[in-house]
Amino acid sequence: MMAKLLSPLRVMVVDDNRDAADLIAEFLQMCGHDALSVYGGAAAIKAADTFAPDVMLLDLGMPDVDGFDVISTLRQAPRHTHTRMIALTAWGDPVMLARTEGSGFERHLVKPASLDDILSAVAGA
């Protein structure tokens, strides 16, 4: 019965902190999702076309291509217009919250986010 209530999703976890990305992806896999760790914005843009995520957990402050540029680039491609984008960042000030909302992110989670908050955001709650 539980399997009918929980739909596995394809989740891309994008963070230049490899340990953080891997830990979250592993947690999501343990919860039944198909999760992929990607370690930078440029790599995320490339991987999105082949992985086709339902949900993307996206760090904002990455050195190569930041999270805002990733969402801007991916939203231009029709196949990614319905990907749920969730900011997962250390920045939680009101200016940054307004910027993520204005950039098309559905949620903004501040690190360290609880595992419950991550699961809830991934599920679209």
PDB file of N, CA and C in Angstrom:
ATOM      1  N   MET A   1       0.821  -1.190   0.000  1.00  0.00           N
ATOM      2  CA  MET A   1       0.000   0.000   0.000  1.00  0.00           C
ATOM      3  C   MET A   1       0.865   1.254   0.000  1.00  0.00           C
ATOM      4  N   MET A   2       1.960   1.225   0.745  1.00  0.00           N
ATOM      5  CA  MET A   2       2.842   2.374   0.811  1.00  0.00           C
ATOM      6  C   MET A   2       3.422   2.690  -0.564  1.00  0.00           C
ATOM      7  N   ALA A   3       3.740   1.683  -1.354  1.00  0.00           N
ATOM      8  CA  ALA A   3       4.314   1.904  -2.679  1.00  0.00           C
ATOM      9  C   ALA A   3       3.348   2.655  -3.583  1.00  0.00           C
ATOM     10  N   LYS A   4       2.059   2.453  -3.401  1.00  0.00           N
ATOM     11  CA  LYS A   4       1.084   3.166  -4.209  1.00  0.00           C
ATOM     12  C   LYS A   4       0.990   4.634  -3.808  1.00  0.00           C
ATOM     13  N   LEU A   5       1.297   4.924  -2.540  1.00  0.00           N
ATOM     14  CA  LEU A   5       1.220   6.295  -2.070  1.00  0.00           C
ATOM     15  C   LEU A   5       2.454   7.103  -2.452  1.00  0.00           C
ATOM     16  N   LEU A   6       3.585   6.446  -2.541  1.00  0.00           N
ATOM     17  CA  LEU A   6       4.836   7.128  -2.849  1.00  0.00           C
ATOM     18  C   LEU A   6       5.264   6.822  -4.278  1.00  0.00           C
ATOM     19  N   SER A   7       5.376   7.831  -5.080  1.00  0.00           N
ATOM     20  CA  SER A   7       5.828   7.648  -6.452  1.00  0.00           C
ATOM     21  C   SER A   7       7.310   7.968  -6.530  1.00  0.00           C
ATOM     22  N   PRO A   8       8.116   7.023  -7.002  1.00  0.00           N
ATOM     23  CA  PRO A   8       9.535   7.326  -7.152  1.00  0.00           C
ATOM     24  C   PRO A   8       9.741   8.410  -8.202  1.00  0.00           C
ATOM     25  N   LEU A   9      10.612   9.326  -7.903  1.00  0.00           N
ATOM     26  CA  LEU A   9      10.914  10.423  -8.802  1.00  0.00           C
ATOM     27  C   LEU A   9      12.382  10.387  -9.197  1.00  0.00           C
ATOM     28  N   ARG A  10      12.678  11.022 -10.313  1.00  0.00           N
ATOM     29  CA  ARG A  10      14.071  11.189 -10.751  1.00  0.00           C
ATOM     30  C   ARG A  10      14.521  12.533 -10.180  1.00  0.00           C
ATOM     31  N   VAL A  11      15.495  12.489  -9.264  1.00  0.00           N
ATOM     32  CA  VAL A  11      15.935  13.692  -8.559  1.00  0.00           C
ATOM     33  C   VAL A  11      17.418  13.932  -8.814  1.00  0.00           C
ATOM     34  N   MET A  12      17.737  15.114  -9.311  1.00  0.00           N
ATOM     35  CA  MET A  12      19.126  15.498  -9.492  1.00  0.00           C
ATOM     36  C   MET A  12      19.515  16.418  -8.337  1.00  0.00           C
ATOM     37  N   VAL A  13      20.598  16.068  -7.661  1.00  0.00           N
ATOM     38  CA  VAL A  13      21.114  16.864  -6.548  1.00  0.00           C
ATOM     39  C   VAL A  13      22.383  17.558  -7.050  1.00  0.00           C
ATOM     40  N   VAL A  14      22.343  18.882  -7.108  1.00  0.00           N
ATOM     41  CA  VAL A  14      23.443  19.649  -7.682  1.00  0.00           C
ATOM     42  C   VAL A  14      24.094  20.498  -6.598  1.00  0.00           C
ATOM     43  N   ASP A  15      25.354  20.216  -6.327  1.00  0.00           N
ATOM     44  CA  ASP A  15      26.094  20.968  -5.315  1.00  0.00           C
ATOM     45  C   ASP A  15      27.578  20.789  -5.584  1.00  0.00           C
ATOM     46  N   ASP A  16      28.356  21.867  -5.478  1.00  0.00           N
ATOM     47  CA  ASP A  16      29.794  21.745  -5.655  1.00  0.00           C
ATOM     48  C   ASP A  16      30.453  21.060  -4.453  1.00  0.00           C
ATOM     49  N   ASN A  17      29.727  20.922  -3.345  1.00  0.00           N
ATOM     50  CA  ASN A  17      30.196  20.144  -2.199  1.00  0.00           C
ATOM     51  C   ASN A  17      29.804  18.691  -2.461  1.00  0.00           C
ATOM     52  N   ARG A  18      30.765  17.908  -2.911  1.00  0.00           N
ATOM     53  CA  ARG A  18      30.496  16.521  -3.311  1.00  0.00           C
ATOM     54  C   ARG A  18      29.896  15.689  -2.182  1.00  0.00           C
ATOM     55  N   ASP A  19      30.416  15.850  -0.975  1.00  0.00           N
ATOM     56  CA  ASP A  19      29.904  15.065   0.150  1.00  0.00           C
ATOM     57  C   ASP A  19      28.433  15.377   0.408  1.00  0.00           C
ATOM     58  N   ALA A  20      28.079  16.650   0.365  1.00  0.00           N
ATOM     59  CA  ALA A  20      26.689  17.046   0.597  1.00  0.00           C
ATOM     60  C   ALA A  20      25.777  16.474  -0.490  1.00  0.00           C
ATOM     61  N   ALA A  21      26.186  16.612  -1.746  1.00  0.00           N
ATOM     62  CA  ALA A  21      25.372  16.093  -2.852  1.00  0.00           C
ATOM     63  C   ALA A  21      25.204  14.581  -2.742  1.00  0.00           C
ATOM     64  N   ASP A  22      26.295  13.885  -2.477  1.00  0.00           N
ATOM     65  CA  ASP A  22      26.236  12.418  -2.393  1.00  0.00           C
ATOM     66  C   ASP A  22      25.372  11.950  -1.231  1.00  0.00           C
ATOM     67  N   LEU A  23      25.478  12.623  -0.090  1.00  0.00           N
ATOM     68  CA  LEU A  23      24.693  12.241   1.085  1.00  0.00           C
ATOM     69  C   LEU A  23      23.193  12.392   0.822  1.00  0.00           C
ATOM     70  N   ILE A  24      22.812  13.510   0.242  1.00  0.00           N
ATOM     71  CA  ILE A  24      21.392  13.740  -0.052  1.00  0.00           C
ATOM     72  C   ILE A  24      20.898  12.760  -1.105  1.00  0.00           C
ATOM     73  N   ALA A  25      21.688  12.526  -2.144  1.00  0.00           N
ATOM     74  CA  ALA A  25      21.288  11.569  -3.188  1.00  0.00           C
ATOM     75  C   ALA A  25      21.133  10.166  -2.604  1.00  0.00           C
ATOM     76  N   GLU A  26      22.057   9.773  -1.744  1.00  0.00           N
ATOM     77  CA  GLU A  26      21.974   8.449  -1.124  1.00  0.00           C
ATOM     78  C   GLU A  26      20.722   8.331  -0.252  1.00  0.00           C
ATOM     79  N   PHE A  27      20.418   9.379   0.494  1.00  0.00           N
ATOM     80  CA  PHE A  27      19.209   9.400   1.305  1.00  0.00           C
ATOM     81  C   PHE A  27      17.954   9.257   0.427  1.00  0.00           C
ATOM     82  N   LEU A  28      17.911   9.984  -0.667  1.00  0.00           N
ATOM     83  CA  LEU A  28      16.764   9.917  -1.565  1.00  0.00           C
ATOM     84  C   LEU A  28      16.635   8.526  -2.192  1.00  0.00           C
ATOM     85  N   GLN A  29      17.763   7.905  -2.515  1.00  0.00           N
ATOM     86  CA  GLN A  29      17.731   6.540  -3.049  1.00  0.00           C
ATOM     87  C   GLN A  29      17.186   5.568  -2.015  1.00  0.00           C
ATOM     88  N   MET A  30      17.581   5.743  -0.757  1.00  0.00           N
ATOM     89  CA  MET A  30      17.067   4.880   0.306  1.00  0.00           C
ATOM     90  C   MET A  30      15.560   5.043   0.468  1.00  0.00           C
ATOM     91  N   CYS A  31      15.041   6.201   0.079  1.00  0.00           N
ATOM     92  CA  CYS A  31      13.597   6.462   0.153  1.00  0.00           C
ATOM     93  C   CYS A  31      12.875   6.048  -1.126  1.00  0.00           C
ATOM     94  N   GLY A  32      13.598   5.428  -2.058  1.00  0.00           N
ATOM     95  CA  GLY A  32      12.969   4.875  -3.251  1.00  0.00           C
ATOM     96  C   GLY A  32      13.059   5.724  -4.501  1.00  0.00           C
ATOM     97  N   HIS A  33      13.713   6.864  -4.420  1.00  0.00           N
ATOM     98  CA  HIS A  33      13.838   7.729  -5.594  1.00  0.00           C
ATOM     99  C   HIS A  33      15.071   7.353  -6.407  1.00  0.00           C
ATOM    100  N   ASP A  34      15.058   7.722  -7.672  1.00  0.00           N
ATOM    101  CA  ASP A  34      16.215   7.576  -8.554  1.00  0.00           C
ATOM    102  C   ASP A  34      16.960   8.903  -8.474  1.00  0.00           C
ATOM    103  N   ALA A  35      18.058   8.939  -7.732  1.00  0.00           N
ATOM    104  CA  ALA A  35      18.765  10.194  -7.486  1.00  0.00           C
ATOM    105  C   ALA A  35      20.160  10.167  -8.097  1.00  0.00           C
ATOM    106  N   LEU A  36      20.563  11.321  -8.601  1.00  0.00           N
ATOM    107  CA  LEU A  36      21.862  11.485  -9.230  1.00  0.00           C
ATOM    108  C   LEU A  36      22.554  12.703  -8.625  1.00  0.00           C
ATOM    109  N   SER A  37      23.809  12.543  -8.202  1.00  0.00           N
ATOM    110  CA  SER A  37      24.622  13.666  -7.722  1.00  0.00           C
ATOM    111  C   SER A  37      25.364  14.282  -8.891  1.00  0.00           C
ATOM    112  N   VAL A  38      25.354  15.603  -8.953  1.00  0.00           N
ATOM    113  CA  VAL A  38      26.103  16.342  -9.956  1.00  0.00           C
ATOM    114  C   VAL A  38      26.824  17.465  -9.213  1.00  0.00           C
ATOM    115  N   TYR A  39      28.076  17.722  -9.582  1.00  0.00           N
ATOM    116  CA  TYR A  39      28.935  18.557  -8.755  1.00  0.00           C
ATOM    117  C   TYR A  39      29.209  19.961  -9.276  1.00  0.00           C
ATOM    118  N   GLY A  40      28.344  20.500 -10.064  1.00  0.00           N
ATOM    119  CA  GLY A  40      28.506  21.869 -10.538  1.00  0.00           C
ATOM    120  C   GLY A  40      27.403  22.244 -11.500  1.00  0.00           C
ATOM    121  N   GLY A  41      27.257  23.537 -11.726  1.00  0.00           N
ATOM    122  CA  GLY A  41      26.192  24.026 -12.581  1.00  0.00           C
ATOM    123  C   GLY A  41      26.325  23.627 -14.040  1.00  0.00           C
ATOM    124  N   ALA A  42      27.526  23.726 -14.578  1.00  0.00           N
ATOM    125  CA  ALA A  42      27.726  23.352 -15.983  1.00  0.00           C
ATOM    126  C   ALA A  42      27.437  21.870 -16.190  1.00  0.00           C
ATOM    127  N   ALA A  43      27.889  21.047 -15.257  1.00  0.00           N
ATOM    128  CA  ALA A  43      27.633  19.603 -15.339  1.00  0.00           C
ATOM    129  C   ALA A  43      26.139  19.315 -15.210  1.00  0.00           C
ATOM    130  N   ALA A  44      25.439  20.093 -14.400  1.00  0.00           N
ATOM    131  CA  ALA A  44      23.996  19.895 -14.235  1.00  0.00           C
ATOM    132  C   ALA A  44      23.234  20.183 -15.522  1.00  0.00           C
ATOM    133  N   ILE A  45      23.635  21.244 -16.209  1.00  0.00           N
ATOM    134  CA  ILE A  45      22.968  21.588 -17.470  1.00  0.00           C
ATOM    135  C   ILE A  45      23.143  20.457 -18.481  1.00  0.00           C
ATOM    136  N   LYS A  46      24.360  19.905 -18.551  1.00  0.00           N
ATOM    137  CA  LYS A  46      24.618  18.791 -19.476  1.00  0.00           C
ATOM    138  C   LYS A  46      23.863  17.532 -19.060  1.00  0.00           C
ATOM    139  N   ALA A  47      23.895  17.201 -17.769  1.00  0.00           N
ATOM    140  CA  ALA A  47      23.292  15.964 -17.282  1.00  0.00           C
ATOM    141  C   ALA A  47      21.765  16.000 -17.328  1.00  0.00           C
ATOM    142  N   ALA A  48      21.178  17.173 -17.259  1.00  0.00           N
ATOM    143  CA  ALA A  48      19.716  17.276 -17.229  1.00  0.00           C
ATOM    144  C   ALA A  48      19.070  16.685 -18.473  1.00  0.00           C
ATOM    145  N   ASP A  49      19.713  16.822 -19.610  1.00  0.00           N
ATOM    146  CA  ASP A  49      19.113  16.302 -20.841  1.00  0.00           C
ATOM    147  C   ASP A  49      19.086  14.782 -20.883  1.00  0.00           C
ATOM    148  N   THR A  50      20.095  14.146 -20.338  1.00  0.00           N
ATOM    149  CA  THR A  50      20.111  12.679 -20.360  1.00  0.00           C
ATOM    150  C   THR A  50      19.388  12.079 -19.163  1.00  0.00           C
ATOM    151  N   PHE A  51      19.497  12.708 -17.995  1.00  0.00           N
ATOM    152  CA  PHE A  51      18.860  12.175 -16.784  1.00  0.00           C
ATOM    153  C   PHE A  51      17.376  12.524 -16.726  1.00  0.00           C
ATOM    154  N   ALA A  52      16.990  13.655 -17.296  1.00  0.00           N
ATOM    155  CA  ALA A  52      15.597  14.125 -17.320  1.00  0.00           C
ATOM    156  C   ALA A  52      14.956  14.100 -15.945  1.00  0.00           C
ATOM    157  N   PRO A  53      15.443  14.941 -15.026  1.00  0.00           N
ATOM    158  CA  PRO A  53      14.917  14.914 -13.662  1.00  0.00           C
ATOM    159  C   PRO A  53      13.489  15.433 -13.560  1.00  0.00           C
ATOM    160  N   ASP A  54      12.743  14.838 -12.627  1.00  0.00           N
ATOM    161  CA  ASP A  54      11.436  15.376 -12.245  1.00  0.00           C
ATOM    162  C   ASP A  54      11.634  16.548 -11.298  1.00  0.00           C
ATOM    163  N   VAL A  55      12.684  16.418 -10.477  1.00  0.00           N
ATOM    164  CA  VAL A  55      12.980  17.402  -9.438  1.00  0.00           C
ATOM    165  C   VAL A  55      14.481  17.666  -9.443  1.00  0.00           C
ATOM    166  N   MET A  56      14.841  18.916  -9.184  1.00  0.00           N
ATOM    167  CA  MET A  56      16.244  19.263  -9.070  1.00  0.00           C
ATOM    168  C   MET A  56      16.447  20.028  -7.763  1.00  0.00           C
ATOM    169  N   LEU A  57      17.329  19.515  -6.911  1.00  0.00           N
ATOM    170  CA  LEU A  57      17.767  20.226  -5.712  1.00  0.00           C
ATOM    171  C   LEU A  57      19.045  20.946  -6.109  1.00  0.00           C
ATOM    172  N   LEU A  58      19.031  22.262  -6.044  1.00  0.00           N
ATOM    173  CA  LEU A  58      20.059  23.052  -6.697  1.00  0.00           C
ATOM    174  C   LEU A  58      20.701  24.053  -5.748  1.00  0.00           C
ATOM    175  N   ASP A  59      22.001  23.876  -5.520  1.00  0.00           N
ATOM    176  CA  ASP A  59      22.761  24.861  -4.755  1.00  0.00           C
ATOM    177  C   ASP A  59      22.841  26.135  -5.582  1.00  0.00           C
ATOM    178  N   LEU A  60      22.866  27.271  -4.912  1.00  0.00           N
ATOM    179  CA  LEU A  60      22.920  28.538  -5.642  1.00  0.00           C
ATOM    180  C   LEU A  60      24.337  29.038  -5.837  1.00  0.00           C
ATOM    181  N   GLY A  61      25.179  28.885  -4.822  1.00  0.00           N
ATOM    182  CA  GLY A  61      26.521  29.457  -4.873  1.00  0.00           C
ATOM    183  C   GLY A  61      27.573  28.468  -5.320  1.00  0.00           C
ATOM    184  N   MET A  62      27.601  28.209  -6.607  1.00  0.00           N
ATOM    185  CA  MET A  62      28.618  27.311  -7.161  1.00  0.00           C
ATOM    186  C   MET A  62      29.587  28.142  -8.001  1.00  0.00           C
ATOM    187  N   PRO A  63      30.868  27.743  -8.009  1.00  0.00           N
ATOM    188  CA  PRO A  63      31.878  28.584  -8.661  1.00  0.00           C
ATOM    189  C   PRO A  63      31.812  28.632 -10.184  1.00  0.00           C
ATOM    190  N   ASP A  64      31.403  27.564 -10.844  1.00  0.00           N
ATOM    191  CA  ASP A  64      31.443  27.586 -12.314  1.00  0.00           C
ATOM    192  C   ASP A  64      30.206  28.262 -12.897  1.00  0.00           C
ATOM    193  N   VAL A  65      29.060  27.673 -12.686  1.00  0.00           N
ATOM    194  CA  VAL A  65      27.781  28.223 -13.138  1.00  0.00           C
ATOM    195  C   VAL A  65      26.862  28.165 -11.928  1.00  0.00           C
ATOM    196  N   ASP A  66      26.370  29.325 -11.484  1.00  0.00           N
ATOM    197  CA  ASP A  66      25.564  29.320 -10.258  1.00  0.00           C
ATOM    198  C   ASP A  66      24.153  28.788 -10.514  1.00  0.00           C
ATOM    199  N   GLY A  67      23.437  28.541  -9.441  1.00  0.00           N
ATOM    200  CA  GLY A  67      22.101  27.958  -9.539  1.00  0.00           C
ATOM    201  C   GLY A  67      21.114  28.804 -10.322  1.00  0.00           C
ATOM    202  N   PHE A  68      21.267  30.118 -10.249  1.00  0.00           N
ATOM    203  CA  PHE A  68      20.371  30.994 -11.011  1.00  0.00           C
ATOM    204  C   PHE A  68      20.587  30.844 -12.511  1.00  0.00           C
ATOM    205  N   ASP A  69      21.833  30.684 -12.927  1.00  0.00           N
ATOM    206  CA  ASP A  69      22.115  30.475 -14.347  1.00  0.00           C
ATOM    207  C   ASP A  69      21.647  29.097 -14.803  1.00  0.00           C
ATOM    208  N   VAL A  70      21.742  28.108 -13.916  1.00  0.00           N
ATOM    209  CA  VAL A  70      21.268  26.764 -14.262  1.00  0.00           C
ATOM    210  C   VAL A  70      19.762  26.793 -14.521  1.00  0.00           C
ATOM    211  N   ILE A  71      18.997  27.365 -13.601  1.00  0.00           N
ATOM    212  CA  ILE A  71      17.536  27.375 -13.777  1.00  0.00           C
ATOM    213  C   ILE A  71      17.152  28.210 -14.996  1.00  0.00           C
ATOM    214  N   SER A  72      17.839  29.324 -15.212  1.00  0.00           N
ATOM    215  CA  SER A  72      17.542  30.161 -16.370  1.00  0.00           C
ATOM    216  C   SER A  72      17.781  29.405 -17.672  1.00  0.00           C
ATOM    217  N   THR A  73      18.878  28.689 -17.744  1.00  0.00           N
ATOM    218  CA  THR A  73      19.204  27.912 -18.948  1.00  0.00           C
ATOM    219  C   THR A  73      18.215  26.775 -19.157  1.00  0.00           C
ATOM    220  N   LEU A  74      17.939  26.024 -18.106  1.00  0.00           N
ATOM    221  CA  LEU A  74      17.067  24.858 -18.255  1.00  0.00           C
ATOM    222  C   LEU A  74      15.620  25.250 -18.543  1.00  0.00           C
ATOM    223  N   ARG A  75      15.148  26.340 -17.985  1.00  0.00           N
ATOM    224  CA  ARG A  75      13.766  26.768 -18.225  1.00  0.00           C
ATOM    225  C   ARG A  75      13.533  27.170 -19.677  1.00  0.00           C
ATOM    226  N   GLN A  76      14.600  27.437 -20.428  1.00  0.00           N
ATOM    227  CA  GLN A  76      14.448  27.789 -21.846  1.00  0.00           C
ATOM    228  C   GLN A  76      14.175  26.562 -22.713  1.00  0.00           C
ATOM    229  N   ALA A  77      14.455  25.373 -22.188  1.00  0.00           N
ATOM    230  CA  ALA A  77      14.236  24.135 -22.945  1.00  0.00           C
ATOM    231  C   ALA A  77      12.861  23.575 -22.578  1.00  0.00           C
ATOM    232  N   PRO A  78      12.004  23.330 -23.562  1.00  0.00           N
ATOM    233  CA  PRO A  78      10.658  22.846 -23.279  1.00  0.00           C
ATOM    234  C   PRO A  78      10.613  21.599 -22.391  1.00  0.00           C
ATOM    235  N   ARG A  79      11.587  20.713 -22.544  1.00  0.00           N
ATOM    236  CA  ARG A  79      11.540  19.474 -21.759  1.00  0.00           C
ATOM    237  C   ARG A  79      11.789  19.700 -20.275  1.00  0.00           C
ATOM    238  N   HIS A  80      12.289  20.886 -19.896  1.00  0.00           N
ATOM    239  CA  HIS A  80      12.575  21.153 -18.485  1.00  0.00           C
ATOM    240  C   HIS A  80      11.624  22.171 -17.862  1.00  0.00           C
ATOM    241  N   THR A  81      10.615  22.584 -18.593  1.00  0.00           N
ATOM    242  CA  THR A  81       9.702  23.593 -18.036  1.00  0.00           C
ATOM    243  C   THR A  81       8.906  23.059 -16.855  1.00  0.00           C
ATOM    244  N   HIS A  82       8.724  21.747 -16.770  1.00  0.00           N
ATOM    245  CA  HIS A  82       7.941  21.171 -15.672  1.00  0.00           C
ATOM    246  C   HIS A  82       8.805  20.535 -14.589  1.00  0.00           C
ATOM    247  N   THR A  83      10.111  20.622 -14.724  1.00  0.00           N
ATOM    248  CA  THR A  83      10.995  20.112 -13.677  1.00  0.00           C
ATOM    249  C   THR A  83      10.820  20.987 -12.440  1.00  0.00           C
ATOM    250  N   ARG A  84      10.539  20.363 -11.289  1.00  0.00           N
ATOM    251  CA  ARG A  84      10.395  21.114 -10.049  1.00  0.00           C
ATOM    252  C   ARG A  84      11.787  21.513  -9.563  1.00  0.00           C
ATOM    253  N   MET A  85      12.018  22.808  -9.436  1.00  0.00           N
ATOM    254  CA  MET A  85      13.319  23.335  -9.030  1.00  0.00           C
ATOM    255  C   MET A  85      13.255  23.794  -7.579  1.00  0.00           C
ATOM    256  N   ILE A  86      14.177  23.264  -6.780  1.00  0.00           N
ATOM    257  CA  ILE A  86      14.230  23.585  -5.363  1.00  0.00           C
ATOM    258  C   ILE A  86      15.623  24.120  -5.042  1.00  0.00           C
ATOM    259  N   ALA A  87      15.678  25.346  -4.553  1.00  0.00           N
ATOM    260  CA  ALA A  87      16.956  25.908  -4.121  1.00  0.00           C
ATOM    261  C   ALA A  87      17.326  25.260  -2.789  1.00  0.00           C
ATOM    262  N   LEU A  88      18.555  24.797  -2.685  1.00  0.00           N
ATOM    263  CA  LEU A  88      19.093  24.228  -1.449  1.00  0.00           C
ATOM    264  C   LEU A  88      20.407  24.933  -1.208  1.00  0.00           C
ATOM    265  N   THR A  89      20.388  25.925  -0.321  1.00  0.00           N
ATOM    266  CA  THR A  89      21.498  26.865  -0.208  1.00  0.00           C
ATOM    267  C   THR A  89      21.727  27.305   1.229  1.00  0.00           C
ATOM    268  N   ALA A  90      22.884  27.844   1.482  1.00  0.00           N
ATOM    269  CA  ALA A  90      23.191  28.407   2.803  1.00  0.00           C
ATOM    270  C   ALA A  90      22.591  29.808   2.955  1.00  0.00           C
ATOM    271  N   TRP A  91      22.161  30.406   1.859  1.00  0.00           N
ATOM    272  CA  TRP A  91      21.643  31.766   1.899  1.00  0.00           C
ATOM    273  C   TRP A  91      20.144  31.759   2.163  1.00  0.00           C
ATOM    274  N   GLY A  92      19.736  32.351   3.282  1.00  0.00           N
ATOM    275  CA  GLY A  92      18.324  32.359   3.635  1.00  0.00           C
ATOM    276  C   GLY A  92      17.791  33.737   3.959  1.00  0.00           C
ATOM    277  N   ASP A  93      18.503  34.773   3.564  1.00  0.00           N
ATOM    278  CA  ASP A  93      18.062  36.138   3.856  1.00  0.00           C
ATOM    279  C   ASP A  93      16.879  36.514   2.959  1.00  0.00           C
ATOM    280  N   PRO A  94      16.099  37.512   3.367  1.00  0.00           N
ATOM    281  CA  PRO A  94      14.908  37.902   2.594  1.00  0.00           C
ATOM    282  C   PRO A  94      15.194  38.273   1.140  1.00  0.00           C
ATOM    283  N   VAL A  95      16.332  38.905   0.878  1.00  0.00           N
ATOM    284  CA  VAL A  95      16.669  39.275  -0.500  1.00  0.00           C
ATOM    285  C   VAL A  95      16.853  38.019  -1.349  1.00  0.00           C
ATOM    286  N   MET A  96      17.561  37.025  -0.803  1.00  0.00           N
ATOM    287  CA  MET A  96      17.796  35.785  -1.553  1.00  0.00           C
ATOM    288  C   MET A  96      16.494  34.998  -1.724  1.00  0.00           C
ATOM    289  N   LEU A  97      15.656  34.984  -0.696  1.00  0.00           N
ATOM    290  CA  LEU A  97      14.363  34.304  -0.812  1.00  0.00           C
ATOM    291  C   LEU A  97      13.528  34.914  -1.934  1.00  0.00           C
ATOM    292  N   ALA A  98      13.503  36.233  -2.006  1.00  0.00           N
ATOM    293  CA  ALA A  98      12.760  36.915  -3.078  1.00  0.00           C
ATOM    294  C   ALA A  98      13.387  36.621  -4.443  1.00  0.00           C
ATOM    295  N   ARG A  99      14.705  36.551  -4.488  1.00  0.00           N
ATOM    296  CA  ARG A  99      15.383  36.290  -5.772  1.00  0.00           C
ATOM    297  C   ARG A  99      15.082  34.880  -6.268  1.00  0.00           C
ATOM    298  N   THR A 100      15.091  33.889  -5.376  1.00  0.00           N
ATOM    299  CA  THR A 100      14.793  32.528  -5.827  1.00  0.00           C
ATOM    300  C   THR A 100      13.343  32.418  -6.291  1.00  0.00           C
ATOM    301  N   GLU A 101      12.439  33.051  -5.568  1.00  0.00           N
ATOM    302  CA  GLU A 101      11.031  33.016  -5.981  1.00  0.00           C
ATOM    303  C   GLU A 101      10.853  33.665  -7.352  1.00  0.00           C
ATOM    304  N   GLY A 102      11.518  34.777  -7.571  1.00  0.00           N
ATOM    305  CA  GLY A 102      11.426  35.474  -8.850  1.00  0.00           C
ATOM    306  C   GLY A 102      12.128  34.768  -9.994  1.00  0.00           C
ATOM    307  N   SER A 103      12.997  33.818  -9.664  1.00  0.00           N
ATOM    308  CA  SER A 103      13.745  33.088 -10.692  1.00  0.00           C
ATOM    309  C   SER A 103      13.070  31.789 -11.112  1.00  0.00           C
ATOM    310  N   GLY A 104      11.969  31.447 -10.477  1.00  0.00           N
ATOM    311  CA  GLY A 104      11.242  30.247 -10.874  1.00  0.00           C
ATOM    312  C   GLY A 104      11.434  29.032  -9.991  1.00  0.00           C
ATOM    313  N   PHE A 105      12.111  29.189  -8.863  1.00  0.00           N
ATOM    314  CA  PHE A 105      12.228  28.075  -7.925  1.00  0.00           C
ATOM    315  C   PHE A 105      10.897  27.886  -7.209  1.00  0.00           C
ATOM    316  N   GLU A 106      10.490  26.622  -7.050  1.00  0.00           N
ATOM    317  CA  GLU A 106       9.242  26.337  -6.347  1.00  0.00           C
ATOM    318  C   GLU A 106       9.413  26.376  -4.830  1.00  0.00           C
ATOM    319  N   ARG A 107      10.603  26.047  -4.369  1.00  0.00           N
ATOM    320  CA  ARG A 107      10.883  26.054  -2.917  1.00  0.00           C
ATOM    321  C   ARG A 107      12.283  26.586  -2.686  1.00  0.00           C
ATOM    322  N   HIS A 108      12.525  27.022  -1.448  1.00  0.00           N
ATOM    323  CA  HIS A 108      13.841  27.497  -1.027  1.00  0.00           C
ATOM    324  C   HIS A 108      14.122  26.851   0.324  1.00  0.00           C
ATOM    325  N   LEU A 109      15.080  25.941   0.342  1.00  0.00           N
ATOM    326  CA  LEU A 109      15.485  25.291   1.584  1.00  0.00           C
ATOM    327  C   LEU A 109      16.854  25.836   1.985  1.00  0.00           C
ATOM    328  N   VAL A 110      17.001  26.090   3.278  1.00  0.00           N
ATOM    329  CA  VAL A 110      18.263  26.614   3.792  1.00  0.00           C
ATOM    330  C   VAL A 110      19.041  25.473   4.433  1.00  0.00           C
ATOM    331  N   LYS A 111      20.313  25.372   4.050  1.00  0.00           N
ATOM    332  CA  LYS A 111      21.203  24.364   4.617  1.00  0.00           C
ATOM    333  C   LYS A 111      21.539  24.734   6.055  1.00  0.00           C
ATOM    334  N   PRO A 112      21.657  23.774   6.920  1.00  0.00           N
ATOM    335  CA  PRO A 112      21.360  22.368   6.670  1.00  0.00           C
ATOM    336  C   PRO A 112      19.855  22.117   6.780  1.00  0.00           C
ATOM    337  N   ALA A 113      19.251  21.668   5.712  1.00  0.00           N
ATOM    338  CA  ALA A 113      17.823  21.362   5.696  1.00  0.00           C
ATOM    339  C   ALA A 113      17.616  19.985   6.327  1.00  0.00           C
ATOM    340  N   SER A 114      16.502  19.826   7.005  1.00  0.00           N
ATOM    341  CA  SER A 114      16.200  18.521   7.600  1.00  0.00           C
ATOM    342  C   SER A 114      15.832  17.533   6.502  1.00  0.00           C
ATOM    343  N   LEU A 115      16.027  16.274   6.778  1.00  0.00           N
ATOM    344  CA  LEU A 115      15.671  15.245   5.804  1.00  0.00           C
ATOM    345  C   LEU A 115      14.170  15.269   5.528  1.00  0.00           C
ATOM    346  N   ASP A 116      13.373  15.552   6.547  1.00  0.00           N
ATOM    347  CA  ASP A 116      11.912  15.672   6.347  1.00  0.00           C
ATOM    348  C   ASP A 116      11.586  16.809   5.394  1.00  0.00           C
ATOM    349  N   ASP A 117      12.260  17.948   5.551  1.00  0.00           N
ATOM    350  CA  ASP A 117      12.008  19.087   4.654  1.00  0.00           C
ATOM    351  C   ASP A 117      12.422  18.762   3.219  1.00  0.00           C
ATOM    352  N   ILE A 118      13.542  18.052   3.067  1.00  0.00           N
ATOM    353  CA  ILE A 118      13.990  17.668   1.726  1.00  0.00           C
ATOM    354  C   ILE A 118      12.976  16.728   1.088  1.00  0.00           C
ATOM    355  N   LEU A 119      12.527  15.709   1.821  1.00  0.00           N
ATOM    356  CA  LEU A 119      11.532  14.770   1.271  1.00  0.00           C
ATOM    357  C   LEU A 119      10.229  15.477   0.928  1.00  0.00           C
ATOM    358  N   SER A 120       9.796  16.377   1.786  1.00  0.00           N
ATOM    359  CA  SER A 120       8.567  17.114   1.546  1.00  0.00           C
ATOM    360  C   SER A 120       8.682  17.973   0.288  1.00  0.00           C
ATOM    361  N   ALA A 121       9.811  18.644   0.123  1.00  0.00           N
ATOM    362  CA  ALA A 121      10.022  19.482  -1.067  1.00  0.00           C
ATOM    363  C   ALA A 121      10.071  18.633  -2.335  1.00  0.00           C
ATOM    364  N   VAL A 122      10.747  17.508  -2.271  1.00  0.00           N
ATOM    365  CA  VAL A 122      10.847  16.614  -3.428  1.00  0.00           C
ATOM    366  C   VAL A 122       9.457  16.095  -3.815  1.00  0.00           C
ATOM    367  N   ALA A 123       8.648  15.785  -2.813  1.00  0.00           N
ATOM    368  CA  ALA A 123       7.295  15.265  -3.065  1.00  0.00           C
ATOM    369  C   ALA A 123       6.338  16.349  -3.557  1.00  0.00           C
ATOM    370  N   GLY A 124       6.753  17.606  -3.439  1.00  0.00           N
ATOM    371  CA  GLY A 124       5.890  18.695  -3.906  1.00  0.00           C
ATOM    372  C   GLY A 124       4.938  19.191  -2.847  1.00  0.00           C
ATOM    373  N   ALA A 125       5.149  18.796  -1.605  1.00  0.00           N
ATOM    374  CA  ALA A 125       4.268  19.224  -0.510  1.00  0.00           C
ATOM    375  C   ALA A 125       4.592  20.631  -0.079  1.00  0.00           C
TER     376      ALA A 125
END
